[in-house]
Structures are given as C-alpha cells and as structure tokens.
Amino acid sequence: MKFPLSLAAVLPACVLALSACSSAAPLGTTTAASATVQDVRQLGEIVDLRSGQRLTAEQLLAQLAAAPRVIVGEQHDQLSHHRIEQWLLQQLQDQRPQGSVLLEMLNPDQQAKVDKVKPWLQTDPVVRPEHVAELLAWQPGWKWAQYGDLVMTVMRAPYPVWSANLDRSEIKQLFIDQPAVQGQHSNLANDAKVHDKLKDIIRVMHDNQIDAPRLAAMLSVQQQRDRRMAERLLAAPAPAVLIAGAYHAHKDLGVPLHVQDLTGGPAPLVLVLAQQGATVLAPQADFVWYTPVAAPAVASAK
C-alpha cells in the first residue's frame, strides 16, 4: 500500500523505530573523559559469544584488529558506549593502519563537509568542538554532548570517515514507495523470519500503537537503511569499522545479513555494546561488551 505522509511525520517515526536517536538538543560542550585504557577496563565485562569465554579489553582488541570489517552496535544514549568506541578506534589505529570509519550518525549530504573539514583538522588547529559540529552540520538528534569526543577523534585521525545512513529526502521517498530489499538472508520470504522480528521490535518501540501501513513503511525504511550501511561498509577502505545502533549491527536482523546477500561471503565481525542485564545471544553478535546500567541522558529543553 502507498500513502502520502509529510516529512515532519515521516522522520520522527523512522528515527524512533530502531535507531533510537536521542532527543534533539542544542549543541553543548562535550563531557566525556578521554577514553583511556584504565577507563575502559572498568566498564563491565566482555564475552566472546562464540565460546562463552570472558575476555579482557586487550584480547577483544586483538580479535577486532585481525578482521577486515567490524560492526560495533551501540545504545545511542549511553556515553560509556561512545567512550568504548573512541578507545577501540584509538587502539586499533596503533595496532594496524585503519582503513576507514563509518558512522550511522552521518548522512550522505554531510559527506562533502566531512571531506572538507577533515584535512584541516589533521593540521591540529585550535578549534572549539562545537565549531566543528557547526561545520559538519551535525544533526541535533545525535546529541553532541554524547558524540562530540568520538567525532573529534575520528575527524582528527588519518583515515577517511564515511557517512553510512540515508538522507532525509531518501527516507521520505522510501516511506512512500516501500521497496523490498532483495536477498535470501535479509528477506527470507519463505518464512518471513527477519521481517517478523523487525516488526515485533517496531511494535514494542511504539507501545503496540502503530497501524499496519505505517508498520510496513517503517520496516521497509529500516531494511533500506541496513542495505545502505552494508553497501557503504563494503565500498569503504579496509580495515573498516561501522558504528551504528545495536539492531542495525545484529547478525540475525541487520547489516550483516545484507553484507552476506551482497557478497555471498561471511558476515563482518560484530561487537554489540549492551547494558548489564540485557540479553545478547550468539546468533546476534560475535562479542558483547556489557556496561554498567546507566540512566539515559536527559534531553535539554528545545
């Protein structure tokens, strides 16, 4: 079914569905401390889901460093997850040259800005992080207080930074057209396994208050997001790291299925960051890093 929706109606619904963006807030000073080894070691526990073994941060790092493509799935409103990502990228770069980093938080229409600002930042100018956010047209839905330190780290690094999401205009059109993705892993038309799981997640995130046409549209947009991330990850210089929401990262739901569809080969290595008490199983990820439970950041008033 096709139905017209305004952009104002489309985007909040899509964002709420599975990306779990933080609420819009003004740009502010970043509050994250430097992501040191000591800081990271104190953040919960790491499990190799393939073997059930506990790992140290350094052992995990060695596993990730050997992979050509890694997906890190986060909870967007958890500062500890962004600190871990920052530490991982700093350490990976020390172990082998980093080919590229991709961010769900960047849209294609920001790529030219990233490419212009990055060479300047690599000259190590004295600049306020908030000014960098302005130069990048950083989207307020991804709170700069949460992401600023991570973004400054990758923007000052020598490797390219790629957008991994869809533009707003693309989302608007996809919400209307609802194209289906093609592929035996991501579609599984015979048993609808992937679609049913994604629909259940969307329903839960909307308190089961979502009608069938909107549910179908949001499912289509979600899978097209995953397909775009997979395409970008495969095209990016390797070794590549994609940072995205946890559902995008899950091996049984998201980007890894699309990578398998596009290549016919194995899925990328997946690390999911989750709060202690959450359930992350072997079919969903290769590794899970459980972090202490923390309340979501409170959004500033608009």
C-alpha atoms as a PDB file:
ATOM      1  CA  MET A   1       0.000   0.000   0.000  1.00  0.00           C
ATOM      2  CA  LYS A   2       1.229   3.507  -0.775  1.00  0.00           C
ATOM      3  CA  PHE A   3       0.141   6.548   1.157  1.00  0.00           C
ATOM      4  CA  PRO A   4       1.302  10.179   1.368  1.00  0.00           C
ATOM      5  CA  LEU A   5       2.988  11.401   4.522  1.00  0.00           C
ATOM      6  CA  SER A   6       4.571  14.717   5.310  1.00  0.00           C
ATOM      7  CA  LEU A   7       8.305  14.850   6.013  1.00  0.00           C
ATOM      8  CA  ALA A   8       7.542  16.035   9.531  1.00  0.00           C
ATOM      9  CA  ALA A   9       5.565  12.850  10.159  1.00  0.00           C
ATOM     10  CA  VAL A  10       7.977  10.524   8.416  1.00  0.00           C
ATOM     11  CA  LEU A  11      11.265  11.384  10.063  1.00  0.00           C
ATOM     12  CA  PRO A  12      10.335  11.211  13.752  1.00  0.00           C
ATOM     13  CA  ALA A  13       8.653   7.866  13.175  1.00  0.00           C
ATOM     14  CA  CYS A  14      11.639   6.422  11.333  1.00  0.00           C
ATOM     15  CA  VAL A  15      14.104   7.690  13.893  1.00  0.00           C
ATOM     16  CA  LEU A  16      12.085   6.295  16.782  1.00  0.00           C
ATOM     17  CA  ALA A  17      11.680   2.888  15.192  1.00  0.00           C
ATOM     18  CA  LEU A  18      15.062   1.252  15.585  1.00  0.00           C
ATOM     19  CA  SER A  19      17.807   3.837  15.550  1.00  0.00           C
ATOM     20  CA  ALA A  20      16.841   5.124  18.998  1.00  0.00           C
ATOM     21  CA  CYS A  21      18.251   8.583  18.428  1.00  0.00           C
ATOM     22  CA  SER A  22      18.491  10.888  21.393  1.00  0.00           C
ATOM     23  CA  SER A  23      16.014  13.737  21.523  1.00  0.00           C
ATOM     24  CA  ALA A  24      17.003  16.955  19.841  1.00  0.00           C
ATOM     25  CA  ALA A  25      19.138  19.249  21.987  1.00  0.00           C
ATOM     26  CA  PRO A  26      21.305  22.317  21.459  1.00  0.00           C
ATOM     27  CA  LEU A  27      24.988  21.834  20.810  1.00  0.00           C
ATOM     28  CA  GLY A  28      26.940  21.797  24.032  1.00  0.00           C
ATOM     29  CA  THR A  29      30.370  21.152  25.404  1.00  0.00           C
ATOM     30  CA  THR A  30      31.349  17.508  25.398  1.00  0.00           C
ATOM     31  CA  THR A  31      31.520  15.888  28.807  1.00  0.00           C
ATOM     32  CA  ALA A  32      33.178  12.548  28.059  1.00  0.00           C
ATOM     33  CA  ALA A  33      36.576  11.979  29.599  1.00  0.00           C
ATOM     34  CA  SER A  34      39.431  10.760  27.433  1.00  0.00           C
ATOM     35  CA  ALA A  35      38.933   7.109  26.589  1.00  0.00           C
ATOM     36  CA  THR A  36      41.992   5.686  28.345  1.00  0.00           C
ATOM     37  CA  VAL A  37      42.807   2.019  28.814  1.00  0.00           C
ATOM     38  CA  GLN A  38      42.142   2.343  32.530  1.00  0.00           C
ATOM     39  CA  ASP A  39      38.721   3.919  31.949  1.00  0.00           C
ATOM     40  CA  VAL A  40      37.644   1.184  29.552  1.00  0.00           C
ATOM     41  CA  ARG A  41      38.794  -1.676  31.759  1.00  0.00           C
ATOM     42  CA  GLN A  42      36.382  -0.516  34.428  1.00  0.00           C
ATOM     43  CA  LEU A  43      33.378  -0.675  32.140  1.00  0.00           C
ATOM     44  CA  GLY A  44      31.687  -4.010  32.756  1.00  0.00           C
ATOM     45  CA  GLU A  45      32.668  -7.306  31.140  1.00  0.00           C
ATOM     46  CA  ILE A  46      33.334  -8.664  27.664  1.00  0.00           C
ATOM     47  CA  VAL A  47      32.103 -12.051  26.435  1.00  0.00           C
ATOM     48  CA  ASP A  48      33.092 -13.991  23.326  1.00  0.00           C
ATOM     49  CA  LEU A  49      29.643 -15.338  22.401  1.00  0.00           C
ATOM     50  CA  ARG A  50      31.142 -17.982  20.153  1.00  0.00           C
ATOM     51  CA  SER A  51      32.938 -19.692  23.033  1.00  0.00           C
ATOM     52  CA  GLY A  52      31.297 -18.203  26.122  1.00  0.00           C
ATOM     53  CA  GLN A  53      34.693 -17.069  27.398  1.00  0.00           C
ATOM     54  CA  ARG A  54      35.313 -13.797  29.216  1.00  0.00           C
ATOM     55  CA  LEU A  55      37.825 -11.535  27.503  1.00  0.00           C
ATOM     56  CA  THR A  56      39.966  -8.627  28.545  1.00  0.00           C
ATOM     57  CA  ALA A  57      39.708  -5.419  26.545  1.00  0.00           C
ATOM     58  CA  GLU A  58      43.109  -6.183  25.022  1.00  0.00           C
ATOM     59  CA  GLN A  59      42.022  -9.679  23.984  1.00  0.00           C
ATOM     60  CA  LEU A  60      38.954  -8.258  22.283  1.00  0.00           C
ATOM     61  CA  LEU A  61      41.101  -5.672  20.566  1.00  0.00           C
ATOM     62  CA  ALA A  62      43.350  -8.368  19.125  1.00  0.00           C
ATOM     63  CA  GLN A  63      40.308 -10.147  17.644  1.00  0.00           C
ATOM     64  CA  LEU A  64      38.935  -6.959  16.095  1.00  0.00           C
ATOM     65  CA  ALA A  65      42.308  -5.886  14.722  1.00  0.00           C
ATOM     66  CA  ALA A  66      42.527  -9.062  12.643  1.00  0.00           C
ATOM     67  CA  ALA A  67      39.153  -8.530  10.918  1.00  0.00           C
ATOM     68  CA  PRO A  68      38.802  -6.631   7.616  1.00  0.00           C
ATOM     69  CA  ARG A  69      35.350  -5.335   8.595  1.00  0.00           C
ATOM     70  CA  VAL A  70      33.870  -4.781  12.050  1.00  0.00           C
ATOM     71  CA  ILE A  71      30.440  -3.546  13.088  1.00  0.00           C
ATOM     72  CA  VAL A  72      30.034  -2.024  16.536  1.00  0.00           C
ATOM     73  CA  GLY A  73      26.426  -1.827  17.729  1.00  0.00           C
ATOM     74  CA  GLU A  74      25.688   0.729  20.425  1.00  0.00           C
ATOM     75  CA  GLN A  75      22.890   2.103  22.533  1.00  0.00           C
ATOM     76  CA  HIS A  76      22.823   5.676  21.321  1.00  0.00           C
ATOM     77  CA  ASP A  77      22.110   7.372  24.648  1.00  0.00           C
ATOM     78  CA  GLN A  78      24.893   5.613  26.597  1.00  0.00           C
ATOM     79  CA  LEU A  79      28.009   7.743  26.981  1.00  0.00           C
ATOM     80  CA  SER A  80      30.015   4.704  28.091  1.00  0.00           C
ATOM     81  CA  HIS A  81      29.428   3.116  24.690  1.00  0.00           C
ATOM     82  CA  HIS A  82      30.870   6.114  22.891  1.00  0.00           C
ATOM     83  CA  ARG A  83      33.886   6.095  25.205  1.00  0.00           C
ATOM     84  CA  ILE A  84      34.478   2.422  24.390  1.00  0.00           C
ATOM     85  CA  GLU A  85      34.197   3.146  20.658  1.00  0.00           C
ATOM     86  CA  GLN A  86      36.650   6.013  20.980  1.00  0.00           C
ATOM     87  CA  TRP A  87      39.126   3.805  22.844  1.00  0.00           C
ATOM     88  CA  LEU A  88      38.748   0.959  20.359  1.00  0.00           C
ATOM     89  CA  LEU A  89      39.460   3.220  17.401  1.00  0.00           C
ATOM     90  CA  GLN A  90      42.467   4.789  19.098  1.00  0.00           C
ATOM     91  CA  GLN A  91      43.903   1.379  19.949  1.00  0.00           C
ATOM     92  CA  LEU A  92      43.127  -0.233  16.594  1.00  0.00           C
ATOM     93  CA  GLN A  93      44.973   2.545  14.808  1.00  0.00           C
ATOM     94  CA  ASP A  94      48.022   1.773  16.962  1.00  0.00           C
ATOM     95  CA  GLN A  95      47.900  -1.926  16.060  1.00  0.00           C
ATOM     96  CA  ARG A  96      47.475  -1.592  12.277  1.00  0.00           C
ATOM     97  CA  PRO A  97      46.586   1.173   9.835  1.00  0.00           C
ATOM     98  CA  GLN A  98      42.859   1.909   9.973  1.00  0.00           C
ATOM     99  CA  GLY A  99      41.313   1.946   6.504  1.00  0.00           C
ATOM    100  CA  SER A 100      38.121   3.862   7.331  1.00  0.00           C
ATOM    101  CA  VAL A 101      35.401   4.502   9.893  1.00  0.00           C
ATOM    102  CA  LEU A 102      31.709   4.739   9.005  1.00  0.00           C
ATOM    103  CA  LEU A 103      29.063   6.404  11.165  1.00  0.00           C
ATOM    104  CA  GLU A 104      25.315   5.896  11.129  1.00  0.00           C
ATOM    105  CA  MET A 105      25.157   9.435  12.518  1.00  0.00           C
ATOM    106  CA  LEU A 106      26.322  10.935   9.216  1.00  0.00           C
ATOM    107  CA  ASN A 107      24.073  11.319   6.159  1.00  0.00           C
ATOM    108  CA  PRO A 108      25.269  11.445   2.548  1.00  0.00           C
ATOM    109  CA  ASP A 109      24.564  15.174   2.311  1.00  0.00           C
ATOM    110  CA  GLN A 110      27.154  15.735   5.062  1.00  0.00           C
ATOM    111  CA  GLN A 111      29.928  13.804   3.319  1.00  0.00           C
ATOM    112  CA  ALA A 112      31.289  16.797   1.411  1.00  0.00           C
ATOM    113  CA  LYS A 113      31.507  18.750   4.657  1.00  0.00           C
ATOM    114  CA  VAL A 114      33.342  15.876   6.346  1.00  0.00           C
ATOM    115  CA  ASP A 115      35.781  15.652   3.449  1.00  0.00           C
ATOM    116  CA  LYS A 116      36.455  19.402   3.605  1.00  0.00           C
ATOM    117  CA  VAL A 117      36.850  19.729   7.375  1.00  0.00           C
ATOM    118  CA  LYS A 118      38.920  16.588   7.935  1.00  0.00           C
ATOM    119  CA  PRO A 119      42.174  17.667   6.223  1.00  0.00           C
ATOM    120  CA  TRP A 120      42.057  20.943   8.130  1.00  0.00           C
ATOM    121  CA  LEU A 121      41.587  19.179  11.481  1.00  0.00           C
ATOM    122  CA  GLN A 122      44.528  16.903  10.725  1.00  0.00           C
ATOM    123  CA  THR A 123      46.760  20.002  10.862  1.00  0.00           C
ATOM    124  CA  ASP A 124      45.814  20.087  14.574  1.00  0.00           C
ATOM    125  CA  PRO A 125      44.291  23.582  14.706  1.00  0.00           C
ATOM    126  CA  VAL A 126      42.991  25.021  17.949  1.00  0.00           C
ATOM    127  CA  VAL A 127      39.228  24.869  17.483  1.00  0.00           C
ATOM    128  CA  ARG A 128      36.159  24.523  19.657  1.00  0.00           C
ATOM    129  CA  PRO A 129      34.461  21.148  19.146  1.00  0.00           C
ATOM    130  CA  GLU A 130      31.147  22.987  18.863  1.00  0.00           C
ATOM    131  CA  HIS A 131      32.504  24.873  15.858  1.00  0.00           C
ATOM    132  CA  VAL A 132      33.365  21.551  14.212  1.00  0.00           C
ATOM    133  CA  ALA A 133      29.799  20.411  14.832  1.00  0.00           C
ATOM    134  CA  GLU A 134      28.567  23.512  13.013  1.00  0.00           C
ATOM    135  CA  LEU A 135      30.944  22.959  10.097  1.00  0.00           C
ATOM    136  CA  LEU A 136      29.705  19.383   9.747  1.00  0.00           C
ATOM    137  CA  ALA A 137      26.046  20.420  10.033  1.00  0.00           C
ATOM    138  CA  TRP A 138      25.875  17.866  12.835  1.00  0.00           C
ATOM    139  CA  GLN A 139      22.288  16.747  13.332  1.00  0.00           C
ATOM    140  CA  PRO A 140      20.894  17.780  16.734  1.00  0.00           C
ATOM    141  CA  GLY A 141      19.082  14.455  17.075  1.00  0.00           C
ATOM    142  CA  TRP A 142      22.501  12.899  17.751  1.00  0.00           C
ATOM    143  CA  LYS A 143      23.447  14.825  20.878  1.00  0.00           C
ATOM    144  CA  TRP A 144      26.855  16.431  20.539  1.00  0.00           C
ATOM    145  CA  ALA A 145      27.411  16.048  24.297  1.00  0.00           C
ATOM    146  CA  GLN A 146      27.246  12.289  23.659  1.00  0.00           C
ATOM    147  CA  TYR A 147      29.151  12.085  20.374  1.00  0.00           C
ATOM    148  CA  GLY A 148      31.495  15.073  20.336  1.00  0.00           C
ATOM    149  CA  ASP A 149      34.618  13.367  21.672  1.00  0.00           C
ATOM    150  CA  LEU A 150      34.186  10.363  19.389  1.00  0.00           C
ATOM    151  CA  VAL A 151      33.629  12.552  16.337  1.00  0.00           C
ATOM    152  CA  MET A 152      36.648  14.725  17.115  1.00  0.00           C
ATOM    153  CA  THR A 153      38.787  11.591  17.461  1.00  0.00           C
ATOM    154  CA  VAL A 154      37.837  10.188  14.051  1.00  0.00           C
ATOM    155  CA  MET A 155      37.912  13.569  12.348  1.00  0.00           C
ATOM    156  CA  ARG A 156      41.484  14.233  13.515  1.00  0.00           C
ATOM    157  CA  ALA A 157      42.622  10.724  12.560  1.00  0.00           C
ATOM    158  CA  PRO A 158      44.424   9.982   9.262  1.00  0.00           C
ATOM    159  CA  TYR A 159      41.806   7.590   7.838  1.00  0.00           C
ATOM    160  CA  PRO A 160      38.654   8.615   5.904  1.00  0.00           C
ATOM    161  CA  VAL A 161      35.302   8.974   7.674  1.00  0.00           C
ATOM    162  CA  TRP A 162      32.250   7.921   5.680  1.00  0.00           C
ATOM    163  CA  SER A 163      28.551   8.553   6.074  1.00  0.00           C
ATOM    164  CA  ALA A 164      26.526   5.357   6.438  1.00  0.00           C
ATOM    165  CA  ASN A 165      22.899   6.489   6.631  1.00  0.00           C
ATOM    166  CA  LEU A 166      20.208   7.682   4.259  1.00  0.00           C
ATOM    167  CA  ASP A 167      19.401  11.311   3.565  1.00  0.00           C
ATOM    168  CA  ARG A 168      16.126  12.748   4.842  1.00  0.00           C
ATOM    169  CA  SER A 169      14.811  13.041   1.300  1.00  0.00           C
ATOM    170  CA  GLU A 170      15.576   9.377   0.663  1.00  0.00           C
ATOM    171  CA  ILE A 171      13.767   8.323   3.821  1.00  0.00           C
ATOM    172  CA  LYS A 172      10.731  10.371   2.842  1.00  0.00           C
ATOM    173  CA  GLN A 173      10.541   8.681  -0.556  1.00  0.00           C
ATOM    174  CA  LEU A 174      11.180   5.198   0.836  1.00  0.00           C
ATOM    175  CA  PHE A 175       8.418   5.692   3.366  1.00  0.00           C
ATOM    176  CA  ILE A 176       6.033   6.267   0.478  1.00  0.00           C
ATOM    177  CA  ASP A 177       7.348   3.698  -2.022  1.00  0.00           C
ATOM    178  CA  GLN A 178       8.207   0.921   0.474  1.00  0.00           C
ATOM    179  CA  PRO A 179      10.592  -1.026  -1.780  1.00  0.00           C
ATOM    180  CA  ALA A 180      11.588  -4.514  -0.646  1.00  0.00           C
ATOM    181  CA  VAL A 181      15.228  -5.484  -0.355  1.00  0.00           C
ATOM    182  CA  GLN A 182      16.414  -8.428  -2.390  1.00  0.00           C
ATOM    183  CA  GLY A 183      18.399 -11.262  -0.855  1.00  0.00           C
ATOM    184  CA  GLN A 184      17.881 -14.620   0.746  1.00  0.00           C
ATOM    185  CA  HIS A 185      19.460 -13.585   4.058  1.00  0.00           C
ATOM    186  CA  SER A 186      17.805 -10.203   4.579  1.00  0.00           C
ATOM    187  CA  ASN A 187      14.429 -11.076   3.052  1.00  0.00           C
ATOM    188  CA  LEU A 188      13.872 -14.776   3.732  1.00  0.00           C
ATOM    189  CA  ALA A 189      10.493 -14.576   2.014  1.00  0.00           C
ATOM    190  CA  ASN A 190       9.739 -18.245   2.629  1.00  0.00           C
ATOM    191  CA  ASP A 191       9.466 -17.962   6.393  1.00  0.00           C
ATOM    192  CA  ALA A 192       9.487 -14.174   6.928  1.00  0.00           C
ATOM    193  CA  LYS A 193      11.767 -14.676   9.929  1.00  0.00           C
ATOM    194  CA  VAL A 194      13.690 -11.412   9.629  1.00  0.00           C
ATOM    195  CA  HIS A 195      10.624  -9.328   8.811  1.00  0.00           C
ATOM    196  CA  ASP A 196       8.653 -10.720  11.724  1.00  0.00           C
ATOM    197  CA  LYS A 197      11.445  -9.984  14.196  1.00  0.00           C
ATOM    198  CA  LEU A 198      11.847  -6.437  12.954  1.00  0.00           C
ATOM    199  CA  LYS A 199       8.106  -5.827  13.055  1.00  0.00           C
ATOM    200  CA  ASP A 200       7.967  -7.065  16.649  1.00  0.00           C
ATOM    201  CA  ILE A 201      10.722  -4.642  17.639  1.00  0.00           C
ATOM    202  CA  ILE A 202       8.997  -1.728  15.906  1.00  0.00           C
ATOM    203  CA  ARG A 203       5.704  -2.561  17.632  1.00  0.00           C
ATOM    204  CA  VAL A 204       7.346  -2.693  21.055  1.00  0.00           C
ATOM    205  CA  MET A 205       9.058   0.657  20.487  1.00  0.00           C
ATOM    206  CA  HIS A 206       5.675   2.145  19.662  1.00  0.00           C
ATOM    207  CA  ASP A 207       3.818   0.526  22.583  1.00  0.00           C
ATOM    208  CA  ASN A 208       1.862  -1.511  20.020  1.00  0.00           C
ATOM    209  CA  GLN A 209       0.214   1.720  18.880  1.00  0.00           C
ATOM    210  CA  ILE A 210       1.081   1.521  15.209  1.00  0.00           C
ATOM    211  CA  ASP A 211      -1.152   0.728  12.276  1.00  0.00           C
ATOM    212  CA  ALA A 212      -0.320  -1.803   9.570  1.00  0.00           C
ATOM    213  CA  PRO A 213       0.534   0.684   6.757  1.00  0.00           C
ATOM    214  CA  ARG A 214       2.969   2.623   8.938  1.00  0.00           C
ATOM    215  CA  LEU A 215       4.484  -0.596  10.247  1.00  0.00           C
ATOM    216  CA  ALA A 216       5.117  -1.797   6.708  1.00  0.00           C
ATOM    217  CA  ALA A 217       6.661   1.543   5.757  1.00  0.00           C
ATOM    218  CA  MET A 218       8.949   1.596   8.768  1.00  0.00           C
ATOM    219  CA  LEU A 219      10.055  -1.974   8.082  1.00  0.00           C
ATOM    220  CA  SER A 220      10.977  -1.002   4.525  1.00  0.00           C
ATOM    221  CA  VAL A 221      12.937   2.064   5.654  1.00  0.00           C
ATOM    222  CA  GLN A 222      14.766   0.074   8.311  1.00  0.00           C
ATOM    223  CA  GLN A 223      15.887  -2.565   5.843  1.00  0.00           C
ATOM    224  CA  GLN A 224      16.900   0.046   3.288  1.00  0.00           C
ATOM    225  CA  ARG A 225      18.993   1.699   5.990  1.00  0.00           C
ATOM    226  CA  ASP A 226      20.673  -1.626   6.683  1.00  0.00           C
ATOM    227  CA  ARG A 227      21.259  -2.187   2.966  1.00  0.00           C
ATOM    228  CA  ARG A 228      22.846   1.263   2.613  1.00  0.00           C
ATOM    229  CA  MET A 229      25.133   0.623   5.580  1.00  0.00           C
ATOM    230  CA  ALA A 230      26.170  -2.712   4.087  1.00  0.00           C
ATOM    231  CA  GLU A 231      26.916  -1.134   0.710  1.00  0.00           C
ATOM    232  CA  ARG A 232      28.977   1.603   2.292  1.00  0.00           C
ATOM    233  CA  LEU A 233      30.855  -0.815   4.538  1.00  0.00           C
ATOM    234  CA  LEU A 234      31.779  -2.992   1.564  1.00  0.00           C
ATOM    235  CA  ALA A 235      32.898   0.010  -0.503  1.00  0.00           C
ATOM    236  CA  ALA A 236      34.929   1.645   2.267  1.00  0.00           C
ATOM    237  CA  PRO A 237      38.709   1.175   2.501  1.00  0.00           C
ATOM    238  CA  ALA A 238      39.548  -1.806   4.710  1.00  0.00           C
ATOM    239  CA  PRO A 239      40.017  -2.473   7.516  1.00  0.00           C
ATOM    240  CA  ALA A 240      36.732  -0.690   8.113  1.00  0.00           C
ATOM    241  CA  VAL A 241      34.691  -0.111  11.271  1.00  0.00           C
ATOM    242  CA  LEU A 242      30.986   0.757  11.155  1.00  0.00           C
ATOM    243  CA  ILE A 243      29.401   2.306  14.247  1.00  0.00           C
ATOM    244  CA  ALA A 244      25.615   2.029  14.337  1.00  0.00           C
ATOM    245  CA  GLY A 245      22.671   1.233  16.576  1.00  0.00           C
ATOM    246  CA  ALA A 246      22.620  -2.263  18.058  1.00  0.00           C
ATOM    247  CA  TYR A 247      19.702  -3.529  15.958  1.00  0.00           C
ATOM    248  CA  HIS A 248      21.496  -2.466  12.789  1.00  0.00           C
ATOM    249  CA  ALA A 249      24.506  -4.474  13.969  1.00  0.00           C
ATOM    250  CA  HIS A 250      22.696  -7.699  14.897  1.00  0.00           C
ATOM    251  CA  LYS A 251      23.741 -10.637  12.741  1.00  0.00           C
ATOM    252  CA  ASP A 252      20.205 -12.051  12.648  1.00  0.00           C
ATOM    253  CA  LEU A 253      18.459  -8.777  11.731  1.00  0.00           C
ATOM    254  CA  GLY A 254      20.615  -6.077  10.265  1.00  0.00           C
ATOM    255  CA  VAL A 255      23.643  -5.076   8.239  1.00  0.00           C
ATOM    256  CA  PRO A 256      25.470  -8.443   8.409  1.00  0.00           C
ATOM    257  CA  LEU A 257      22.618 -10.138   6.532  1.00  0.00           C
ATOM    258  CA  HIS A 258      22.843  -7.557   3.775  1.00  0.00           C
ATOM    259  CA  VAL A 259      26.614  -7.984   3.541  1.00  0.00           C
ATOM    260  CA  GLN A 260      26.048 -11.697   3.048  1.00  0.00           C
ATOM    261  CA  ASP A 261      23.428 -11.000   0.374  1.00  0.00           C
ATOM    262  CA  LEU A 262      25.710  -8.617  -1.485  1.00  0.00           C
ATOM    263  CA  THR A 263      28.862 -10.719  -1.334  1.00  0.00           C
ATOM    264  CA  GLY A 264      27.763 -14.315  -0.865  1.00  0.00           C
ATOM    265  CA  GLY A 265      30.501 -14.461   1.759  1.00  0.00           C
ATOM    266  CA  PRO A 266      30.656 -14.376   5.559  1.00  0.00           C
ATOM    267  CA  ALA A 267      29.256 -11.629   7.755  1.00  0.00           C
ATOM    268  CA  PRO A 268      31.551  -8.986   9.260  1.00  0.00           C
ATOM    269  CA  LEU A 269      32.699  -9.401  12.842  1.00  0.00           C
ATOM    270  CA  VAL A 270      30.096  -7.924  15.215  1.00  0.00           C
ATOM    271  CA  LEU A 271      30.593  -6.387  18.654  1.00  0.00           C
ATOM    272  CA  VAL A 272      27.448  -5.321  20.492  1.00  0.00           C
ATOM    273  CA  LEU A 273      27.646  -2.891  23.414  1.00  0.00           C
ATOM    274  CA  ALA A 274      24.827  -3.532  25.879  1.00  0.00           C
ATOM    275  CA  GLN A 275      23.908  -2.671  29.435  1.00  0.00           C
ATOM    276  CA  GLN A 276      24.340  -5.362  32.067  1.00  0.00           C
ATOM    277  CA  GLY A 277      21.152  -7.382  32.355  1.00  0.00           C
ATOM    278  CA  ALA A 278      20.430  -7.252  28.635  1.00  0.00           C
ATOM    279  CA  THR A 279      20.302 -10.474  26.628  1.00  0.00           C
ATOM    280  CA  VAL A 280      22.634 -10.755  23.649  1.00  0.00           C
ATOM    281  CA  LEU A 281      22.944 -14.212  22.093  1.00  0.00           C
ATOM    282  CA  ALA A 282      25.454 -15.879  19.776  1.00  0.00           C
ATOM    283  CA  PRO A 283      23.193 -15.615  16.683  1.00  0.00           C
ATOM    284  CA  GLN A 284      23.148 -11.830  17.207  1.00  0.00           C
ATOM    285  CA  ALA A 285      26.819 -11.000  17.693  1.00  0.00           C
ATOM    286  CA  ASP A 286      30.322 -12.414  17.963  1.00  0.00           C
ATOM    287  CA  PHE A 287      31.145 -10.393  21.065  1.00  0.00           C
ATOM    288  CA  VAL A 288      29.184  -8.448  23.654  1.00  0.00           C
ATOM    289  CA  TRP A 289      30.581  -5.812  25.985  1.00  0.00           C
ATOM    290  CA  TYR A 290      28.272  -5.393  28.958  1.00  0.00           C
ATOM    291  CA  THR A 291      28.484  -1.948  30.535  1.00  0.00           C
ATOM    292  CA  PRO A 292      27.119  -0.810  33.908  1.00  0.00           C
ATOM    293  CA  VAL A 293      23.489   0.245  33.860  1.00  0.00           C
ATOM    294  CA  ALA A 294      23.159   3.989  33.465  1.00  0.00           C
ATOM    295  CA  ALA A 295      20.107   6.175  33.082  1.00  0.00           C
ATOM    296  CA  PRO A 296      19.625   7.624  29.588  1.00  0.00           C
ATOM    297  CA  ALA A 297      20.783  11.188  29.238  1.00  0.00           C
ATOM    298  CA  VAL A 298      18.023  13.735  29.821  1.00  0.00           C
ATOM    299  CA  ALA A 299      17.400  15.863  26.771  1.00  0.00           C
ATOM    300  CA  SER A 300      17.684  19.608  27.140  1.00  0.00           C
ATOM    301  CA  ALA A 301      14.577  21.655  26.500  1.00  0.00           C
ATOM    302  CA  LYS A 302      14.253  22.884  22.932  1.00  0.00           C
END
